[in-house]
């Protein structure tokens, strides 16, 4: 079983850098640029996601609201 990480950050360069580092280390990762997209991705890949890296300050849906929706 491979680990899959959901990376959530509204800064595209940060999200891409984290995704690249994870993937270079053999970890499958998917990215979302806002909380709403993260929740949608989590619903779709719930059984495959082992960890969520979540930015707390984002537009659309901040990190706390995203955390509550994911929980």
PDB file of N, CA and C in Angstrom:
ATOM      1  N   UNK A   1       0.846  -1.191   0.000  1.00  0.00           N
ATOM      2  CA  UNK A   1       0.000   0.000   0.000  1.00  0.00           C
ATOM      3  C   UNK A   1       0.880   1.238   0.000  1.00  0.00           C
ATOM      4  N   UNK A   2       0.624   2.105  -0.949  1.00  0.00           N
ATOM      5  CA  UNK A   2       1.354   3.357  -1.010  1.00  0.00           C
ATOM      6  C   UNK A   2       0.580   4.451  -0.295  1.00  0.00           C
ATOM      7  N   UNK A   3       1.319   5.349   0.302  1.00  0.00           N
ATOM      8  CA  UNK A   3       0.707   6.489   0.989  1.00  0.00           C
ATOM      9  C   UNK A   3       0.267   7.512  -0.050  1.00  0.00           C
ATOM     10  N   UNK A   4      -0.885   8.133   0.194  1.00  0.00           N
ATOM     11  CA  UNK A   4      -1.335   9.243  -0.644  1.00  0.00           C
ATOM     12  C   UNK A   4      -1.595  10.434   0.263  1.00  0.00           C
ATOM     13  N   UNK A   5      -1.071  11.594  -0.138  1.00  0.00           N
ATOM     14  CA  UNK A   5      -1.195  12.817   0.638  1.00  0.00           C
ATOM     15  C   UNK A   5      -1.994  13.840  -0.163  1.00  0.00           C
ATOM     16  N   UNK A   6      -2.914  14.506   0.507  1.00  0.00           N
ATOM     17  CA  UNK A   6      -3.646  15.626  -0.075  1.00  0.00           C
ATOM     18  C   UNK A   6      -2.987  16.898   0.433  1.00  0.00           C
ATOM     19  N   UNK A   7      -2.451  17.702  -0.475  1.00  0.00           N
ATOM     20  CA  UNK A   7      -1.774  18.949  -0.138  1.00  0.00           C
ATOM     21  C   UNK A   7      -2.708  20.099  -0.496  1.00  0.00           C
ATOM     22  N   UNK A   8      -2.999  20.963   0.495  1.00  0.00           N
ATOM     23  CA  UNK A   8      -3.937  22.059   0.281  1.00  0.00           C
ATOM     24  C   UNK A   8      -3.239  23.380   0.603  1.00  0.00           C
ATOM     25  N   UNK A   9      -3.042  24.201  -0.419  1.00  0.00           N
ATOM     26  CA  UNK A   9      -2.417  25.515  -0.238  1.00  0.00           C
ATOM     27  C   UNK A   9      -2.835  26.416  -1.383  1.00  0.00           C
ATOM     28  N   UNK A  10      -3.175  27.662  -1.059  1.00  0.00           N
ATOM     29  CA  UNK A  10      -3.632  28.588  -2.084  1.00  0.00           C
ATOM     30  C   UNK A  10      -2.489  29.221  -2.884  1.00  0.00           C
ATOM     31  N   UNK A  11      -1.255  29.017  -2.450  1.00  0.00           N
ATOM     32  CA  UNK A  11      -0.094  29.497  -3.197  1.00  0.00           C
ATOM     33  C   UNK A  11       0.359  28.391  -4.143  1.00  0.00           C
ATOM     34  N   UNK A  12       0.133  28.564  -5.447  1.00  0.00           N
ATOM     35  CA  UNK A  12       0.472  27.495  -6.393  1.00  0.00           C
ATOM     36  C   UNK A  12       1.922  27.031  -6.305  1.00  0.00           C
ATOM     37  N   UNK A  13       2.860  27.963  -6.092  1.00  0.00           N
ATOM     38  CA  UNK A  13       4.272  27.565  -6.037  1.00  0.00           C
ATOM     39  C   UNK A  13       4.558  26.696  -4.807  1.00  0.00           C
ATOM     40  N   UNK A  14       3.919  26.993  -3.689  1.00  0.00           N
ATOM     41  CA  UNK A  14       4.094  26.190  -2.475  1.00  0.00           C
ATOM     42  C   UNK A  14       3.501  24.797  -2.687  1.00  0.00           C
ATOM     43  N   UNK A  15       2.299  24.754  -3.216  1.00  0.00           N
ATOM     44  CA  UNK A  15       1.626  23.479  -3.454  1.00  0.00           C
ATOM     45  C   UNK A  15       2.459  22.615  -4.403  1.00  0.00           C
ATOM     46  N   UNK A  16       2.929  23.189  -5.487  1.00  0.00           N
ATOM     47  CA  UNK A  16       3.728  22.436  -6.460  1.00  0.00           C
ATOM     48  C   UNK A  16       5.031  21.946  -5.855  1.00  0.00           C
ATOM     49  N   UNK A  17       5.694  22.783  -5.048  1.00  0.00           N
ATOM     50  CA  UNK A  17       6.958  22.385  -4.426  1.00  0.00           C
ATOM     51  C   UNK A  17       6.750  21.203  -3.485  1.00  0.00           C
ATOM     52  N   UNK A  18       5.712  21.262  -2.678  1.00  0.00           N
ATOM     53  CA  UNK A  18       5.421  20.165  -1.748  1.00  0.00           C
ATOM     54  C   UNK A  18       5.072  18.898  -2.521  1.00  0.00           C
ATOM     55  N   UNK A  19       4.248  19.026  -3.552  1.00  0.00           N
ATOM     56  CA  UNK A  19       3.901  17.859  -4.371  1.00  0.00           C
ATOM     57  C   UNK A  19       5.151  17.238  -4.990  1.00  0.00           C
ATOM     58  N   UNK A  20       6.044  18.082  -5.511  1.00  0.00           N
ATOM     59  CA  UNK A  20       7.274  17.577  -6.131  1.00  0.00           C
ATOM     60  C   UNK A  20       8.137  16.823  -5.133  1.00  0.00           C
ATOM     61  N   UNK A  21       8.336  17.394  -3.936  1.00  0.00           N
ATOM     62  CA  UNK A  21       9.162  16.745  -2.917  1.00  0.00           C
ATOM     63  C   UNK A  21       8.561  15.400  -2.513  1.00  0.00           C
ATOM     64  N   UNK A  22       7.257  15.372  -2.306  1.00  0.00           N
ATOM     65  CA  UNK A  22       6.600  14.121  -1.928  1.00  0.00           C
ATOM     66  C   UNK A  22       6.762  13.071  -3.022  1.00  0.00           C
ATOM     67  N   UNK A  23       6.497  13.459  -4.253  1.00  0.00           N
ATOM     68  CA  UNK A  23       6.560  12.506  -5.358  1.00  0.00           C
ATOM     69  C   UNK A  23       7.990  12.030  -5.617  1.00  0.00           C
ATOM     70  N   UNK A  24       8.987  12.902  -5.411  1.00  0.00           N
ATOM     71  CA  UNK A  24      10.384  12.491  -5.555  1.00  0.00           C
ATOM     72  C   UNK A  24      10.763  11.442  -4.516  1.00  0.00           C
ATOM     73  N   UNK A  25      10.033  11.407  -3.421  1.00  0.00           N
ATOM     74  CA  UNK A  25      10.277  10.435  -2.359  1.00  0.00           C
ATOM     75  C   UNK A  25       9.326   9.243  -2.415  1.00  0.00           C
ATOM     76  N   UNK A  26       8.665   9.076  -3.553  1.00  0.00           N
ATOM     77  CA  UNK A  26       7.821   7.906  -3.763  1.00  0.00           C
ATOM     78  C   UNK A  26       6.456   7.979  -3.113  1.00  0.00           C
ATOM     79  N   UNK A  27       6.042   9.174  -2.726  1.00  0.00           N
ATOM     80  CA  UNK A  27       4.738   9.345  -2.086  1.00  0.00           C
ATOM     81  C   UNK A  27       3.770   9.932  -3.098  1.00  0.00           C
ATOM     82  N   UNK A  28       2.655   9.258  -3.287  1.00  0.00           N
ATOM     83  CA  UNK A  28       1.627   9.773  -4.198  1.00  0.00           C
ATOM     84  C   UNK A  28       0.973  10.977  -3.540  1.00  0.00           C
ATOM     85  N   UNK A  29       0.761  12.023  -4.305  1.00  0.00           N
ATOM     86  CA  UNK A  29       0.182  13.243  -3.746  1.00  0.00           C
ATOM     87  C   UNK A  29      -0.732  13.908  -4.769  1.00  0.00           C
ATOM     88  N   UNK A  30      -1.766  14.539  -4.237  1.00  0.00           N
ATOM     89  CA  UNK A  30      -2.651  15.350  -5.067  1.00  0.00           C
ATOM     90  C   UNK A  30      -2.773  16.710  -4.401  1.00  0.00           C
ATOM     91  N   UNK A  31      -2.990  17.736  -5.202  1.00  0.00           N
ATOM     92  CA  UNK A  31      -3.025  19.085  -4.675  1.00  0.00           C
ATOM     93  C   UNK A  31      -4.350  19.777  -4.913  1.00  0.00           C
ATOM     94  N   UNK A  32      -4.645  20.690  -4.006  1.00  0.00           N
ATOM     95  CA  UNK A  32      -5.838  21.532  -4.122  1.00  0.00           C
ATOM     96  C   UNK A  32      -5.430  22.957  -3.769  1.00  0.00           C
ATOM     97  N   UNK A  33      -5.970  23.922  -4.505  1.00  0.00           N
ATOM     98  CA  UNK A  33      -5.618  25.324  -4.282  1.00  0.00           C
ATOM     99  C   UNK A  33      -6.572  26.052  -3.356  1.00  0.00           C
ATOM    100  N   UNK A  34      -7.605  25.378  -2.889  1.00  0.00           N
ATOM    101  CA  UNK A  34      -8.516  25.986  -1.916  1.00  0.00           C
ATOM    102  C   UNK A  34      -9.250  24.884  -1.164  1.00  0.00           C
ATOM    103  N   UNK A  35      -9.872  25.281  -0.072  1.00  0.00           N
ATOM    104  CA  UNK A  35     -10.539  24.318   0.786  1.00  0.00           C
ATOM    105  C   UNK A  35     -11.689  23.590   0.128  1.00  0.00           C
ATOM    106  N   UNK A  36     -12.452  24.310  -0.679  1.00  0.00           N
ATOM    107  CA  UNK A  36     -13.601  23.693  -1.333  1.00  0.00           C
ATOM    108  C   UNK A  36     -13.157  22.569  -2.272  1.00  0.00           C
ATOM    109  N   UNK A  37     -12.111  22.818  -3.040  1.00  0.00           N
ATOM    110  CA  UNK A  37     -11.571  21.794  -3.926  1.00  0.00           C
ATOM    111  C   UNK A  37     -11.014  20.624  -3.122  1.00  0.00           C
ATOM    112  N   UNK A  38     -10.370  20.926  -1.998  1.00  0.00           N
ATOM    113  CA  UNK A  38      -9.826  19.875  -1.138  1.00  0.00           C
ATOM    114  C   UNK A  38     -10.929  18.941  -0.642  1.00  0.00           C
ATOM    115  N   UNK A  39     -12.038  19.511  -0.228  1.00  0.00           N
ATOM    116  CA  UNK A  39     -13.152  18.703   0.264  1.00  0.00           C
ATOM    117  C   UNK A  39     -13.689  17.817  -0.859  1.00  0.00           C
ATOM    118  N   UNK A  40     -13.819  18.371  -2.056  1.00  0.00           N
ATOM    119  CA  UNK A  40     -14.295  17.588  -3.195  1.00  0.00           C
ATOM    120  C   UNK A  40     -13.337  16.437  -3.521  1.00  0.00           C
ATOM    121  N   UNK A  41     -12.026  16.732  -3.519  1.00  0.00           N
ATOM    122  CA  UNK A  41     -11.043  15.686  -3.788  1.00  0.00           C
ATOM    123  C   UNK A  41     -11.058  14.623  -2.702  1.00  0.00           C
ATOM    124  N   UNK A  42     -11.203  15.053  -1.460  1.00  0.00           N
ATOM    125  CA  UNK A  42     -11.232  14.101  -0.354  1.00  0.00           C
ATOM    126  C   UNK A  42     -12.431  13.162  -0.470  1.00  0.00           C
ATOM    127  N   UNK A  43     -13.569  13.709  -0.849  1.00  0.00           N
ATOM    128  CA  UNK A  43     -14.753  12.857  -1.029  1.00  0.00           C
ATOM    129  C   UNK A  43     -14.511  11.816  -2.115  1.00  0.00           C
ATOM    130  N   UNK A  44     -13.823  12.211  -3.179  1.00  0.00           N
ATOM    131  CA  UNK A  44     -13.585  11.315  -4.305  1.00  0.00           C
ATOM    132  C   UNK A  44     -12.520  10.257  -3.992  1.00  0.00           C
ATOM    133  N   UNK A  45     -11.486  10.641  -3.228  1.00  0.00           N
ATOM    134  CA  UNK A  45     -10.359   9.738  -2.972  1.00  0.00           C
ATOM    135  C   UNK A  45     -10.232   9.345  -1.497  1.00  0.00           C
ATOM    136  N   UNK A  46     -11.306   9.470  -0.753  1.00  0.00           N
ATOM    137  CA  UNK A  46     -11.299   9.238   0.692  1.00  0.00           C
ATOM    138  C   UNK A  46     -10.569   7.966   1.111  1.00  0.00           C
ATOM    139  N   UNK A  47     -10.815   6.875   0.435  1.00  0.00           N
ATOM    140  CA  UNK A  47     -10.224   5.596   0.820  1.00  0.00           C
ATOM    141  C   UNK A  47      -8.728   5.520   0.537  1.00  0.00           C
ATOM    142  N   UNK A  48      -8.208   6.421  -0.295  1.00  0.00           N
ATOM    143  CA  UNK A  48      -6.792   6.399  -0.664  1.00  0.00           C
ATOM    144  C   UNK A  48      -5.952   7.440   0.069  1.00  0.00           C
ATOM    145  N   UNK A  49      -6.566   8.435   0.694  1.00  0.00           N
ATOM    146  CA  UNK A  49      -5.814   9.519   1.328  1.00  0.00           C
ATOM    147  C   UNK A  49      -5.470   9.135   2.761  1.00  0.00           C
ATOM    148  N   UNK A  50      -4.166   9.204   3.059  1.00  0.00           N
ATOM    149  CA  UNK A  50      -3.679   8.849   4.382  1.00  0.00           C
ATOM    150  C   UNK A  50      -3.330  10.066   5.232  1.00  0.00           C
ATOM    151  N   UNK A  51      -3.070  11.201   4.580  1.00  0.00           N
ATOM    152  CA  UNK A  51      -2.606  12.390   5.284  1.00  0.00           C
ATOM    153  C   UNK A  51      -3.040  13.626   4.517  1.00  0.00           C
ATOM    154  N   UNK A  52      -3.391  14.683   5.262  1.00  0.00           N
ATOM    155  CA  UNK A  52      -3.730  15.959   4.648  1.00  0.00           C
ATOM    156  C   UNK A  52      -2.780  17.021   5.197  1.00  0.00           C
ATOM    157  N   UNK A  53      -2.079  17.714   4.300  1.00  0.00           N
ATOM    158  CA  UNK A  53      -1.269  18.867   4.670  1.00  0.00           C
ATOM    159  C   UNK A  53      -2.082  20.096   4.300  1.00  0.00           C
ATOM    160  N   UNK A  54      -2.443  20.885   5.297  1.00  0.00           N
ATOM    161  CA  UNK A  54      -3.463  21.923   5.114  1.00  0.00           C
ATOM    162  C   UNK A  54      -2.957  23.296   5.529  1.00  0.00           C
ATOM    163  N   UNK A  55      -3.023  24.245   4.615  1.00  0.00           N
ATOM    164  CA  UNK A  55      -2.726  25.649   4.905  1.00  0.00           C
ATOM    165  C   UNK A  55      -3.894  26.219   5.702  1.00  0.00           C
ATOM    166  N   UNK A  56      -3.612  27.003   6.727  1.00  0.00           N
ATOM    167  CA  UNK A  56      -4.697  27.540   7.548  1.00  0.00           C
ATOM    168  C   UNK A  56      -5.289  28.829   7.008  1.00  0.00           C
ATOM    169  N   UNK A  57      -4.497  29.632   6.291  1.00  0.00           N
ATOM    170  CA  UNK A  57      -5.038  30.904   5.792  1.00  0.00           C
ATOM    171  C   UNK A  57      -5.178  30.848   4.269  1.00  0.00           C
ATOM    172  N   UNK A  58      -6.428  30.660   3.835  1.00  0.00           N
ATOM    173  CA  UNK A  58      -6.739  30.573   2.410  1.00  0.00           C
ATOM    174  C   UNK A  58      -8.046  31.303   2.135  1.00  0.00           C
ATOM    175  N   UNK A  59      -8.195  31.829   0.925  1.00  0.00           N
ATOM    176  CA  UNK A  59      -9.493  32.391   0.544  1.00  0.00           C
ATOM    177  C   UNK A  59     -10.484  31.268   0.241  1.00  0.00           C
ATOM    178  N   UNK A  60     -11.697  31.603  -0.021  1.00  0.00           N
ATOM    179  CA  UNK A  60     -12.809  30.706  -0.360  1.00  0.00           C
ATOM    180  C   UNK A  60     -13.249  29.933   0.882  1.00  0.00           C
ATOM    181  N   UNK A  61     -12.400  29.070   1.410  1.00  0.00           N
ATOM    182  CA  UNK A  61     -12.680  28.323   2.632  1.00  0.00           C
ATOM    183  C   UNK A  61     -11.348  28.227   3.380  1.00  0.00           C
ATOM    184  N   UNK A  62     -11.265  28.853   4.563  1.00  0.00           N
ATOM    185  CA  UNK A  62      -9.993  28.841   5.283  1.00  0.00           C
ATOM    186  C   UNK A  62      -9.677  27.450   5.831  1.00  0.00           C
ATOM    187  N   UNK A  63      -8.492  27.312   6.400  1.00  0.00           N
ATOM    188  CA  UNK A  63      -8.047  26.008   6.867  1.00  0.00           C
ATOM    189  C   UNK A  63      -8.919  25.408   7.954  1.00  0.00           C
ATOM    190  N   UNK A  64      -9.400  26.226   8.882  1.00  0.00           N
ATOM    191  CA  UNK A  64     -10.244  25.696   9.947  1.00  0.00           C
ATOM    192  C   UNK A  64     -11.565  25.163   9.406  1.00  0.00           C
ATOM    193  N   UNK A  65     -12.175  25.907   8.501  1.00  0.00           N
ATOM    194  CA  UNK A  65     -13.436  25.448   7.906  1.00  0.00           C
ATOM    195  C   UNK A  65     -13.198  24.189   7.061  1.00  0.00           C
ATOM    196  N   UNK A  66     -12.085  24.163   6.367  1.00  0.00           N
ATOM    197  CA  UNK A  66     -11.739  22.987   5.569  1.00  0.00           C
ATOM    198  C   UNK A  66     -11.543  21.774   6.467  1.00  0.00           C
ATOM    199  N   UNK A  67     -10.814  21.969   7.567  1.00  0.00           N
ATOM    200  CA  UNK A  67     -10.588  20.879   8.512  1.00  0.00           C
ATOM    201  C   UNK A  67     -11.913  20.314   9.034  1.00  0.00           C
ATOM    202  N   UNK A  68     -12.810  21.213   9.417  1.00  0.00           N
ATOM    203  CA  UNK A  68     -14.123  20.757   9.918  1.00  0.00           C
ATOM    204  C   UNK A  68     -14.888  19.985   8.840  1.00  0.00           C
ATOM    205  N   UNK A  69     -14.830  20.457   7.601  1.00  0.00           N
ATOM    206  CA  UNK A  69     -15.543  19.768   6.508  1.00  0.00           C
ATOM    207  C   UNK A  69     -14.918  18.405   6.215  1.00  0.00           C
ATOM    208  N   UNK A  70     -13.598  18.315   6.317  1.00  0.00           N
ATOM    209  CA  UNK A  70     -12.933  17.037   6.069  1.00  0.00           C
ATOM    210  C   UNK A  70     -13.194  16.035   7.172  1.00  0.00           C
ATOM    211  N   UNK A  71     -13.304  16.550   8.369  1.00  0.00           N
ATOM    212  CA  UNK A  71     -13.514  15.694   9.528  1.00  0.00           C
ATOM    213  C   UNK A  71     -14.890  15.072   9.473  1.00  0.00           C
TER     214      UNK A  71
END
